[in-house]
Structures are given as structure tokens and as C-alpha cells.
Amino acid sequence: MANLVATDIYFNKFCYFPEAGSTICEKLQDCYRQFSENQNDKFYTRHSVIKQTIFIAATDQSEYDQSKQKIFACAKDFFGELPPTSVLAQTPEKESLAVEFVIFEGLNPDEILHKNNAEASWLIINHGGSKILVASNLGENSPNGNILLQSETAFRQLDQILTVEGMEFSDIVRQWNYIEGITEIYDETKSPSQHYQIFNDVRTKYYSKSNFKNGFPAATGIGMDFGGIVIDFIAAKVDGEKNSIVAVKSPVQLDAYTYSAEVLAENNTMCHFCRTTPKFERAKILITPERKWILISGTAAISGQESSDQMQVDYQTEMTIENILRLISPENMKNHGITGSCMASMKSLRVYVKFRKDIPQVKAVCLNYFPEIPIVYVMADICRPELLVEIEGVAVLS
């Protein structure tokens, strides 16, 4: 998700909402129309899109499946060679559909390679001696309601892609984990198991194959209405002489992988790797000759390991943003050995809000802090029942 090479390419994010159209395909086509018109003013083309995330509203699994099938057909018509794409049942603030593009400006088409196997497709960027892998939509094509099997499927697909590309789990720099009914309890055998805890334990099982000497990935674990388990990720092999990756710890939050058992949920579906901690860093910094990109993990109103005891959404939003600002502060950057100017500039945010009624309050707080950057708001359940909002983002150190 960033420039990892000596020559200058530039990461950017754009989000579009439909201005016309009645069907889901017509709305998506209108978003693509806006994107195409904006190309005239930007230094990118369709091949510059290395990832797209499409947020939709769906009332049930059947509608989600049908909409997803139509969206993939429409997207393939537009792109020809489809970039890594996920369709998420997370209702956007505006309309019933929104499209978020991740763009690398400055790439040449011959630096991009599209690859696939029987279950998944992914994209490889080879540029200046560095290799970037981007994959989306990992998981079962036909969700069966069993979060354990769905998590196993998604991580098995991820593992296979990494193996084919000569990479390991420790090469992942950014991961998105979308979990249907994230705080719901699976209780088929009268042994309660929380969806998120099941997912975390499967993640620990697979991550145990690697030595994370540069820290775990930056990551988001967030709910969605339907779709089982979906994983997106970006991995990178970088030239250590010119580029590096730094894991960032928070000055106000514990590392999630050091949480005590008090804040973990139950998982009685697995014999091994049960009740393990979430494996992610609060952020990862990608350091290149031109820029230092900060990939900020999903962040909520947590101090230490404890959730805020305040149930007001504006308070939780303020606390979440303050946690992020402390994370990317000059003092914290210096604590991590980042030299030179350490002033971080936020470039984009994605904001997950648990209840639609709270979106106006959340927006008011976010706009007070970040009045001029692109922000997309979607409805999604958060990883703890008491949490009302979660925010992730990308910043750059000047």
C-alpha cells in the first residue's frame, strides 16, 4: 500500500458514491464513470488500481450473493483484467453502494502481473527490485455458516498464495479481516464460541509457521452482515538497503498480542490454539527513499487493554482519534527510531460505525479533526460488544 522502491510512485485512495442508477450494476457503472472522468486530472489509469473494495447494503445472504455475482461481472467488464476486489456487506453512509480504490500512481503496465489458481486471484507488482503482493476476497465462495471452516479456508488460500510467491506470513504488511457476526456466539454443541475468537485462534495457528521478526501485520478485524470470512492482504519483499518496514507500538494501548485472558472470548471449537490473542501491530511504517507511509490498524476506544466505559459515540470517536494521533505523534515516531521530520499527515480514513443513527455524530467529530481528507463511513459491528466505532487510515511522514 505504499511506494517501496527507489523511483517515485505514489499511493492514493479514492472513494466514489453513485450519482445515478437504479440497479446495483448501474450504480457501480456510475462510480466507474466518475473514476474515468477524474483520470483526466490525475496521473493514473485503470491499471493503476491495485485493489478495490465495494461496500453494499444487503438484507440477507441470498441478496448479498446475487449482488456480489453481478458486481464481479460488471467490474470485469470495466477493467478487463480485474484487480483484487472484495464485495463487503457493510452498508455505506450514502446510497446502497460505495467503491474504494487503492491506486499506485506511476506504475507501468508491464510491472503488474495478474495471477490466479483454482480458488483465488492476486496481483504482483515488480518494481525496482521490490515485490508487492495484493490479494482480496479470500474465503469460501459459498459460505456455510461455520466460522471455523470459513476461517480455515481463508487462511489456507492465503498460505497457498504466499507459498507460490516465495513469501511467508511474516511478509504481510497490511491485512483486513472481515467476519460475519463478529461478536456472535456459535453454540451448535452447547459449547459457546465467539466468531472473532475462533478467527483469532485460526490466525494464530497459521501465523505460528513464521517468525515475525519485523512484527505482525497492521490489521483490521471488523464485522460484516453476511459473507462468512473474507480476508484481504498486502505483502511485500523490500530491498533492505533502500526500504524498510517498522512495527509501531502505541504509547496508550497494549500490543493486542499481549492481552490477558480477561479480554478474550471463548472458543470451544478447537483443541489447540484456543483463546489466543489477536496478532497485529497498531501500525506499520513503510520507509522508502521518498516517503514514510504509516499503515494504521483498526483502532477503537481502548486504553491499555480495556474498552472505554463511556457508551457515548462522540466520546468513543474522540478517544479513538486521540489514540491514533498519539500513535503517529512525533514523540512516538522518535521512540521508534524514525529520523528527520516526524510530522505525520493523514491521507485517508475508513470509519466503521456500529449503528446508523450514530453516523452524524461520528462524522462531526471526524470532520473537526480531519476536515479535508477523504473519509468513507460504513456500518459494521466492532470486535467488542461495548465498542461503537473503529477507525483505520493511512498517513505519511513529511
Protein backbone atom coordinates (compact mmCIF):
# COMPACT_ATOMS: atom_id res chain seq x y z
CA MET A 1 0.00 0.00 0.00
CA ALA A 2 2.89 2.32 -0.48
CA ASN A 3 5.92 3.23 -2.52
CA LEU A 4 8.52 0.55 -1.79
CA VAL A 5 11.04 1.45 -4.46
CA ALA A 6 13.69 3.98 -5.35
CA THR A 7 11.82 5.61 -8.24
CA ASP A 8 8.81 7.67 -7.32
CA ILE A 9 5.39 6.08 -7.33
CA TYR A 10 2.63 7.45 -5.17
CA PHE A 11 -0.06 5.72 -3.16
CA ASN A 12 -3.55 7.18 -3.19
CA LYS A 13 -7.07 6.25 -2.21
CA PHE A 14 -10.35 7.38 -3.74
CA CYS A 15 -13.93 6.58 -2.80
CA TYR A 16 -16.92 7.08 -5.09
CA PHE A 17 -20.65 7.03 -4.43
CA PRO A 18 -23.18 6.63 -7.29
CA GLU A 19 -24.86 9.77 -8.56
CA ALA A 20 -27.22 7.87 -10.86
CA GLY A 21 -28.61 4.39 -11.48
CA SER A 22 -31.38 2.24 -10.07
CA THR A 23 -29.84 -1.26 -10.18
CA ILE A 24 -26.67 -2.24 -8.40
CA CYS A 25 -24.81 -2.59 -11.70
CA GLU A 26 -25.96 0.84 -12.89
CA LYS A 27 -24.76 2.36 -9.62
CA LEU A 28 -21.37 0.66 -9.91
CA GLN A 29 -21.08 1.77 -13.54
CA ASP A 30 -21.74 5.34 -12.45
CA CYS A 31 -18.91 5.11 -9.90
CA TYR A 32 -16.65 3.85 -12.69
CA ARG A 33 -17.81 6.76 -14.86
CA GLN A 34 -16.72 9.22 -12.17
CA PHE A 35 -13.39 7.44 -11.84
CA SER A 36 -12.81 7.59 -15.60
CA GLU A 37 -13.63 11.29 -15.77
CA ASN A 38 -11.23 12.03 -12.92
CA GLN A 39 -8.40 10.30 -14.76
CA ASN A 40 -8.14 13.39 -16.94
CA ASP A 41 -6.90 15.34 -13.92
CA LYS A 42 -4.77 12.60 -12.32
CA PHE A 43 -1.63 10.68 -13.17
CA TYR A 44 -3.23 7.27 -13.22
CA THR A 45 -5.13 4.90 -15.47
CA ARG A 46 -7.18 1.77 -14.86
CA HIS A 47 -4.07 -0.35 -14.48
CA SER A 48 -3.07 1.92 -11.56
CA VAL A 49 -5.89 0.39 -9.46
CA ILE A 50 -4.22 -2.35 -7.46
CA LYS A 51 -7.20 -3.04 -5.16
CA GLN A 52 -10.86 -2.15 -4.92
CA THR A 53 -13.32 -2.63 -2.07
CA ILE A 54 -17.02 -2.38 -2.80
CA PHE A 55 -19.39 -1.80 0.11
CA ILE A 56 -23.04 -2.75 -0.33
CA ALA A 57 -26.28 -2.97 1.62
CA ALA A 58 -27.89 -6.43 1.73
CA THR A 59 -30.91 -7.70 3.63
CA ASP A 60 -29.98 -11.39 3.59
CA GLN A 61 -27.38 -13.88 2.36
CA SER A 62 -29.20 -14.54 -0.90
CA GLU A 63 -29.31 -10.85 -1.84
CA TYR A 64 -25.64 -10.50 -0.92
CA ASP A 65 -24.65 -13.48 -3.08
CA GLN A 66 -26.66 -12.24 -6.06
CA SER A 67 -25.35 -8.70 -5.75
CA LYS A 68 -21.77 -9.95 -5.45
CA GLN A 69 -22.11 -12.03 -8.62
CA LYS A 70 -23.50 -9.07 -10.57
CA ILE A 71 -20.83 -6.73 -9.24
CA PHE A 72 -17.96 -9.00 -10.25
CA ALA A 73 -19.38 -9.32 -13.78
CA CYS A 74 -19.80 -5.55 -14.07
CA ALA A 75 -16.31 -4.87 -12.66
CA LYS A 76 -14.71 -7.33 -15.08
CA ASP A 77 -16.43 -5.57 -17.99
CA PHE A 78 -14.92 -2.28 -16.87
CA PHE A 79 -11.39 -3.41 -16.04
CA GLY A 80 -10.95 -6.41 -18.32
CA GLU A 81 -8.20 -7.76 -16.05
CA LEU A 82 -9.89 -7.45 -12.69
CA PRO A 83 -7.75 -6.05 -9.82
CA PRO A 84 -8.09 -7.71 -6.39
CA THR A 85 -11.69 -7.00 -5.41
CA SER A 86 -13.81 -7.61 -2.33
CA VAL A 87 -17.54 -7.04 -2.01
CA LEU A 88 -18.49 -6.44 1.62
CA ALA A 89 -21.89 -6.46 3.28
CA GLN A 90 -21.17 -3.22 5.15
CA THR A 91 -23.81 -0.61 4.37
CA PRO A 92 -22.20 2.68 3.29
CA GLU A 93 -23.28 6.01 4.70
CA LYS A 94 -24.53 7.22 1.31
CA GLU A 95 -26.59 5.20 -1.12
CA SER A 96 -26.54 1.38 -1.11
CA LEU A 97 -23.10 1.09 -2.69
CA ALA A 98 -19.68 2.71 -2.45
CA VAL A 99 -16.38 1.91 -4.16
CA GLU A 100 -12.95 2.48 -2.63
CA PHE A 101 -9.92 2.30 -4.94
CA VAL A 102 -6.33 1.79 -3.85
CA ILE A 103 -4.11 3.32 -6.52
CA PHE A 104 -0.38 3.34 -7.25
CA GLU A 105 0.32 6.32 -9.44
CA GLY A 106 3.40 5.97 -11.61
CA LEU A 107 3.34 2.23 -12.26
CA ASN A 108 3.93 0.89 -15.76
CA PRO A 109 1.56 -1.84 -17.01
CA ASP A 110 4.45 -4.26 -17.53
CA GLU A 111 5.30 -4.01 -13.82
CA ILE A 112 1.95 -5.61 -12.90
CA LEU A 113 1.22 -9.32 -13.18
CA HIS A 114 -2.22 -10.85 -12.59
CA LYS A 115 -2.16 -14.41 -11.30
CA ASN A 116 -4.69 -16.99 -10.14
CA ASN A 117 -5.26 -20.58 -9.06
CA ALA A 118 -8.43 -22.65 -8.74
CA GLU A 119 -9.69 -20.70 -5.70
CA ALA A 120 -8.25 -17.21 -5.76
CA SER A 121 -6.63 -14.47 -7.81
CA TRP A 122 -3.99 -11.95 -6.87
CA LEU A 123 -1.73 -9.25 -8.24
CA ILE A 124 2.06 -8.96 -8.23
CA ILE A 125 3.93 -5.68 -8.61
CA ASN A 126 7.63 -5.97 -9.51
CA HIS A 127 9.26 -2.57 -9.41
CA GLY A 128 12.84 -1.51 -8.75
CA GLY A 129 13.82 -4.85 -7.20
CA SER A 130 10.92 -4.92 -4.73
CA LYS A 131 7.93 -7.23 -4.90
CA ILE A 132 4.42 -6.41 -3.69
CA LEU A 133 1.62 -8.97 -3.48
CA VAL A 134 -2.02 -7.83 -3.28
CA ALA A 135 -4.93 -10.24 -2.78
CA SER A 136 -8.59 -9.82 -1.89
CA ASN A 137 -11.75 -11.86 -1.37
CA LEU A 138 -10.07 -14.86 0.23
CA GLY A 139 -12.58 -17.24 1.79
CA GLU A 140 -15.29 -19.65 0.78
CA ASN A 141 -17.26 -18.88 -2.36
CA SER A 142 -20.39 -20.41 -0.75
CA PRO A 143 -20.45 -19.56 2.96
CA ASN A 144 -21.88 -22.39 5.04
CA GLY A 145 -22.31 -20.64 8.36
CA ASN A 146 -19.40 -22.41 10.07
CA ILE A 147 -16.92 -19.69 11.06
CA LEU A 148 -14.21 -22.23 11.93
CA LEU A 149 -14.28 -23.84 8.48
CA GLN A 150 -14.57 -20.48 6.76
CA SER A 151 -11.55 -19.14 8.67
CA GLU A 152 -9.55 -22.27 7.86
CA THR A 153 -10.45 -21.93 4.17
CA ALA A 154 -9.43 -18.27 4.01
CA PHE A 155 -6.08 -18.83 5.71
CA ARG A 156 -5.37 -21.93 3.64
CA GLN A 157 -5.89 -19.88 0.48
CA LEU A 158 -3.68 -17.12 1.87
CA ASP A 159 -0.98 -19.65 2.74
CA GLN A 160 -1.08 -21.16 -0.75
CA ILE A 161 -0.65 -17.76 -2.42
CA LEU A 162 2.28 -16.83 -0.18
CA THR A 163 3.94 -20.18 -0.86
CA VAL A 164 3.58 -19.81 -4.64
CA GLU A 165 5.19 -16.36 -4.43
CA GLY A 166 8.05 -17.43 -2.18
CA MET A 167 6.71 -15.41 0.74
CA GLU A 168 5.72 -16.10 4.34
CA PHE A 169 3.06 -14.81 6.70
CA SER A 170 5.71 -12.51 8.15
CA ASP A 171 5.87 -10.68 4.79
CA ILE A 172 2.29 -9.42 5.19
CA VAL A 173 2.34 -5.68 5.94
CA ARG A 174 -1.41 -5.00 5.95
CA GLN A 175 -4.34 -7.37 6.45
CA TRP A 176 -8.11 -6.83 6.55
CA ASN A 177 -10.22 -9.47 8.28
CA TYR A 178 -13.97 -9.26 7.67
CA ILE A 179 -16.00 -11.53 9.93
CA GLU A 180 -19.74 -12.11 9.66
CA GLY A 181 -21.43 -11.52 13.02
CA ILE A 182 -18.06 -10.81 14.61
CA THR A 183 -19.28 -10.87 18.23
CA GLU A 184 -21.95 -13.53 17.74
CA ILE A 185 -21.72 -16.85 19.57
CA TYR A 186 -21.50 -20.19 17.76
CA ASP A 187 -23.26 -22.66 20.07
CA GLU A 188 -24.19 -25.69 17.99
CA THR A 189 -22.81 -28.20 20.53
CA LYS A 190 -23.79 -26.14 23.60
CA SER A 191 -20.16 -25.07 23.94
CA PRO A 192 -20.18 -21.31 23.32
CA SER A 193 -17.57 -19.96 20.91
CA GLN A 194 -17.35 -16.36 19.70
CA HIS A 195 -16.83 -15.79 15.97
CA TYR A 196 -13.95 -13.33 16.46
CA GLN A 197 -12.20 -15.61 18.94
CA ILE A 198 -12.49 -18.55 16.55
CA PHE A 199 -10.98 -16.41 13.81
CA ASN A 200 -8.14 -15.21 16.07
CA ASP A 201 -7.27 -18.76 17.06
CA VAL A 202 -7.13 -19.91 13.43
CA ARG A 203 -4.94 -16.89 12.64
CA THR A 204 -2.58 -17.85 15.48
CA LYS A 205 -2.41 -21.40 14.15
CA TYR A 206 -1.30 -20.25 10.71
CA TYR A 207 0.92 -17.41 11.92
CA SER A 208 2.85 -19.89 14.06
CA LYS A 209 4.51 -21.06 10.83
CA SER A 210 6.52 -17.81 10.61
CA ASN A 211 8.99 -15.83 12.67
CA PHE A 212 7.65 -12.29 12.79
CA LYS A 213 10.98 -10.60 13.44
CA ASN A 214 9.67 -7.32 11.97
CA GLY A 215 6.40 -7.53 13.89
CA PHE A 216 2.95 -8.71 12.92
CA PRO A 217 0.99 -7.02 10.11
CA ALA A 218 -1.03 -3.89 10.60
CA ALA A 219 -4.58 -5.21 10.55
CA THR A 220 -8.29 -4.63 10.94
CA GLY A 221 -10.72 -7.19 12.34
CA ILE A 222 -14.25 -5.97 11.71
CA GLY A 223 -17.78 -7.28 11.32
CA MET A 224 -19.98 -7.58 8.26
CA ASP A 225 -23.62 -8.57 7.86
CA PHE A 226 -23.14 -11.57 5.54
CA GLY A 227 -20.36 -13.37 3.69
CA GLY A 228 -18.70 -15.58 6.30
CA ILE A 229 -14.98 -14.76 6.36
CA VAL A 230 -13.22 -12.51 3.84
CA ILE A 231 -9.51 -11.68 4.02
CA ASP A 232 -7.65 -9.03 2.01
CA PHE A 233 -3.92 -8.53 2.40
CA ILE A 234 -0.81 -6.81 1.06
CA ALA A 235 2.60 -8.46 1.43
CA ALA A 236 5.99 -7.12 0.42
CA LYS A 237 9.58 -8.17 -0.11
CA VAL A 238 11.62 -4.98 0.03
CA ASP A 239 15.20 -4.01 -0.72
CA GLY A 240 16.59 -3.68 2.78
CA GLU A 241 19.22 -1.14 1.73
CA LYS A 242 16.77 1.47 0.44
CA ASN A 243 13.48 0.43 2.03
CA SER A 244 12.46 -0.91 5.41
CA ILE A 245 9.42 -1.80 7.49
CA VAL A 246 8.94 -0.76 11.12
CA ALA A 247 6.30 -2.04 13.54
CA VAL A 248 4.74 0.74 15.63
CA LYS A 249 3.63 0.34 19.22
CA SER A 250 1.05 2.58 20.84
CA PRO A 251 2.00 4.72 23.84
CA VAL A 252 -1.53 4.34 25.25
CA GLN A 253 -2.67 0.84 24.17
CA LEU A 254 -1.13 -2.53 24.90
CA ASP A 255 0.02 -4.60 21.95
CA ALA A 256 -3.04 -6.70 21.13
CA TYR A 257 -0.93 -9.86 21.13
CA THR A 258 -0.08 -9.26 24.83
CA TYR A 259 -3.71 -9.02 26.01
CA SER A 260 -4.56 -11.04 29.11
CA ALA A 261 -7.24 -13.73 29.14
CA GLU A 262 -9.66 -11.27 30.78
CA VAL A 263 -10.44 -9.59 27.47
CA LEU A 264 -10.53 -12.75 25.33
CA ALA A 265 -13.74 -14.61 24.49
CA GLU A 266 -14.50 -18.33 24.47
CA ASN A 267 -13.62 -20.80 21.73
CA ASN A 268 -14.62 -24.40 22.29
CA THR A 269 -14.41 -25.46 18.65
CA MET A 270 -10.64 -26.10 18.58
CA CYS A 271 -8.46 -28.48 20.59
CA HIS A 272 -5.27 -26.47 20.08
CA PHE A 273 -4.62 -22.73 19.70
CA CYS A 274 -7.66 -21.74 21.73
CA ARG A 275 -8.25 -18.36 23.35
CA THR A 276 -5.19 -16.83 21.75
CA THR A 277 -4.62 -13.12 21.33
CA PRO A 278 -5.21 -11.04 18.17
CA LYS A 279 -1.93 -10.96 16.20
CA PHE A 280 -1.43 -7.46 14.76
CA GLU A 281 0.59 -4.30 15.28
CA ARG A 282 -1.01 -0.93 15.93
CA ALA A 283 0.63 0.31 12.72
CA LYS A 284 3.39 -0.47 10.23
CA ILE A 285 5.68 2.16 8.70
CA LEU A 286 6.99 1.55 5.17
CA ILE A 287 10.15 3.60 4.78
CA THR A 288 11.29 4.45 1.24
CA PRO A 289 13.78 6.95 -0.18
CA GLU A 290 10.92 9.34 -0.96
CA ARG A 291 8.37 8.85 1.81
CA LYS A 292 7.49 7.13 5.05
CA TRP A 293 3.99 5.65 4.89
CA ILE A 294 2.12 4.77 8.08
CA LEU A 295 -0.47 2.00 7.72
CA ILE A 296 -2.76 2.44 10.73
CA SER A 297 -4.60 -0.61 12.01
CA GLY A 298 -8.24 -0.60 13.02
CA THR A 299 -8.29 1.47 16.21
CA ALA A 300 -11.02 1.82 18.83
CA ALA A 301 -11.67 3.43 22.21
CA ILE A 302 -9.35 1.14 24.16
CA SER A 303 -6.84 2.24 26.79
CA GLY A 304 -4.30 -0.37 27.79
CA GLN A 305 -6.42 -3.43 27.04
CA GLU A 306 -9.69 -2.11 28.46
CA SER A 307 -12.56 -0.66 26.45
CA SER A 308 -13.87 2.77 27.32
CA ASP A 309 -16.59 2.66 29.94
CA GLN A 310 -18.34 5.54 28.17
CA MET A 311 -21.12 4.47 25.81
CA GLN A 312 -21.48 7.87 24.12
CA VAL A 313 -20.41 7.53 20.49
CA ASP A 314 -18.92 11.03 20.28
CA TYR A 315 -16.74 10.29 23.32
CA GLN A 316 -15.57 6.97 21.83
CA THR A 317 -14.83 8.64 18.49
CA GLU A 318 -12.76 11.36 20.18
CA MET A 319 -10.86 8.75 22.18
CA THR A 320 -10.24 6.64 19.08
CA ILE A 321 -8.85 9.60 17.14
CA GLU A 322 -6.69 10.66 20.08
CA ASN A 323 -5.31 7.10 20.22
CA ILE A 324 -4.39 7.39 16.54
CA LEU A 325 -2.84 10.83 16.96
CA ARG A 326 -0.73 9.58 19.87
CA LEU A 327 0.30 6.58 17.76
CA ILE A 328 1.58 8.74 14.87
CA SER A 329 2.86 11.61 17.02
CA PRO A 330 6.42 12.95 16.54
CA GLU A 331 7.33 11.68 20.00
CA ASN A 332 6.19 8.15 19.18
CA MET A 333 7.94 8.20 15.82
CA LYS A 334 11.21 9.20 17.51
CA ASN A 335 10.69 6.38 20.02
CA HIS A 336 10.72 4.02 17.05
CA GLY A 337 13.94 5.41 15.62
CA ILE A 338 12.33 7.42 12.82
CA THR A 339 14.76 10.20 11.94
CA GLY A 340 14.24 13.51 10.18
CA SER A 341 10.91 15.30 10.19
CA CYS A 342 8.38 13.26 12.13
CA MET A 343 5.20 15.24 11.45
CA ALA A 344 2.55 12.86 10.14
CA SER A 345 -0.10 13.97 7.68
CA MET A 346 -3.26 11.89 7.48
CA LYS A 347 -4.14 10.95 3.89
CA SER A 348 -7.30 8.85 4.20
CA LEU A 349 -9.58 7.21 6.75
CA ARG A 350 -12.12 4.43 6.77
CA VAL A 351 -14.59 4.70 9.65
CA TYR A 352 -16.73 1.79 10.84
CA VAL A 353 -19.84 2.76 12.83
CA LYS A 354 -21.95 0.19 14.67
CA PHE A 355 -25.31 1.99 14.44
CA ARG A 356 -26.58 4.12 11.54
CA LYS A 357 -28.12 6.64 13.96
CA ASP A 358 -24.63 7.45 15.23
CA ILE A 359 -23.10 8.35 11.87
CA PRO A 360 -23.89 12.13 12.08
CA GLN A 361 -22.15 12.41 15.48
CA VAL A 362 -19.18 10.36 14.32
CA LYS A 363 -18.85 12.47 11.17
CA ALA A 364 -18.98 15.70 13.15
CA VAL A 365 -16.07 14.58 15.35
CA CYS A 366 -14.02 13.23 12.43
CA LEU A 367 -14.51 16.37 10.34
CA ASN A 368 -13.47 18.51 13.27
CA TYR A 369 -10.10 16.73 13.31
CA PHE A 370 -9.74 15.98 9.59
CA PRO A 371 -11.79 18.49 7.54
CA GLU A 372 -10.04 17.99 4.21
CA ILE A 373 -9.13 14.32 3.80
CA PRO A 374 -11.21 11.59 2.14
CA ILE A 375 -13.21 9.57 4.67
CA VAL A 376 -15.58 6.71 3.93
CA TYR A 377 -18.15 5.75 6.58
CA VAL A 378 -19.71 2.28 6.64
CA MET A 379 -21.89 0.42 9.10
CA ALA A 380 -20.19 -2.56 10.73
CA ASP A 381 -20.13 -4.31 14.07
CA ILE A 382 -16.96 -3.84 16.13
CA CYS A 383 -14.88 -6.61 17.74
CA ARG A 384 -16.18 -5.94 21.27
CA PRO A 385 -19.91 -5.51 22.03
CA GLU A 386 -19.34 -2.30 24.00
CA LEU A 387 -17.42 -0.56 21.21
CA LEU A 388 -19.36 1.73 18.85
CA VAL A 389 -16.76 2.92 16.34
CA GLU A 390 -13.46 1.83 14.78
CA ILE A 391 -11.14 3.83 12.55
CA GLU A 392 -8.27 2.83 10.26
CA GLY A 393 -6.18 5.00 7.98
CA VAL A 394 -3.07 5.87 6.04
CA ALA A 395 -0.72 8.71 6.93
CA VAL A 396 2.61 9.92 5.53
CA LEU A 397 5.56 11.40 7.38
CA SER A 398 6.83 14.62 5.81
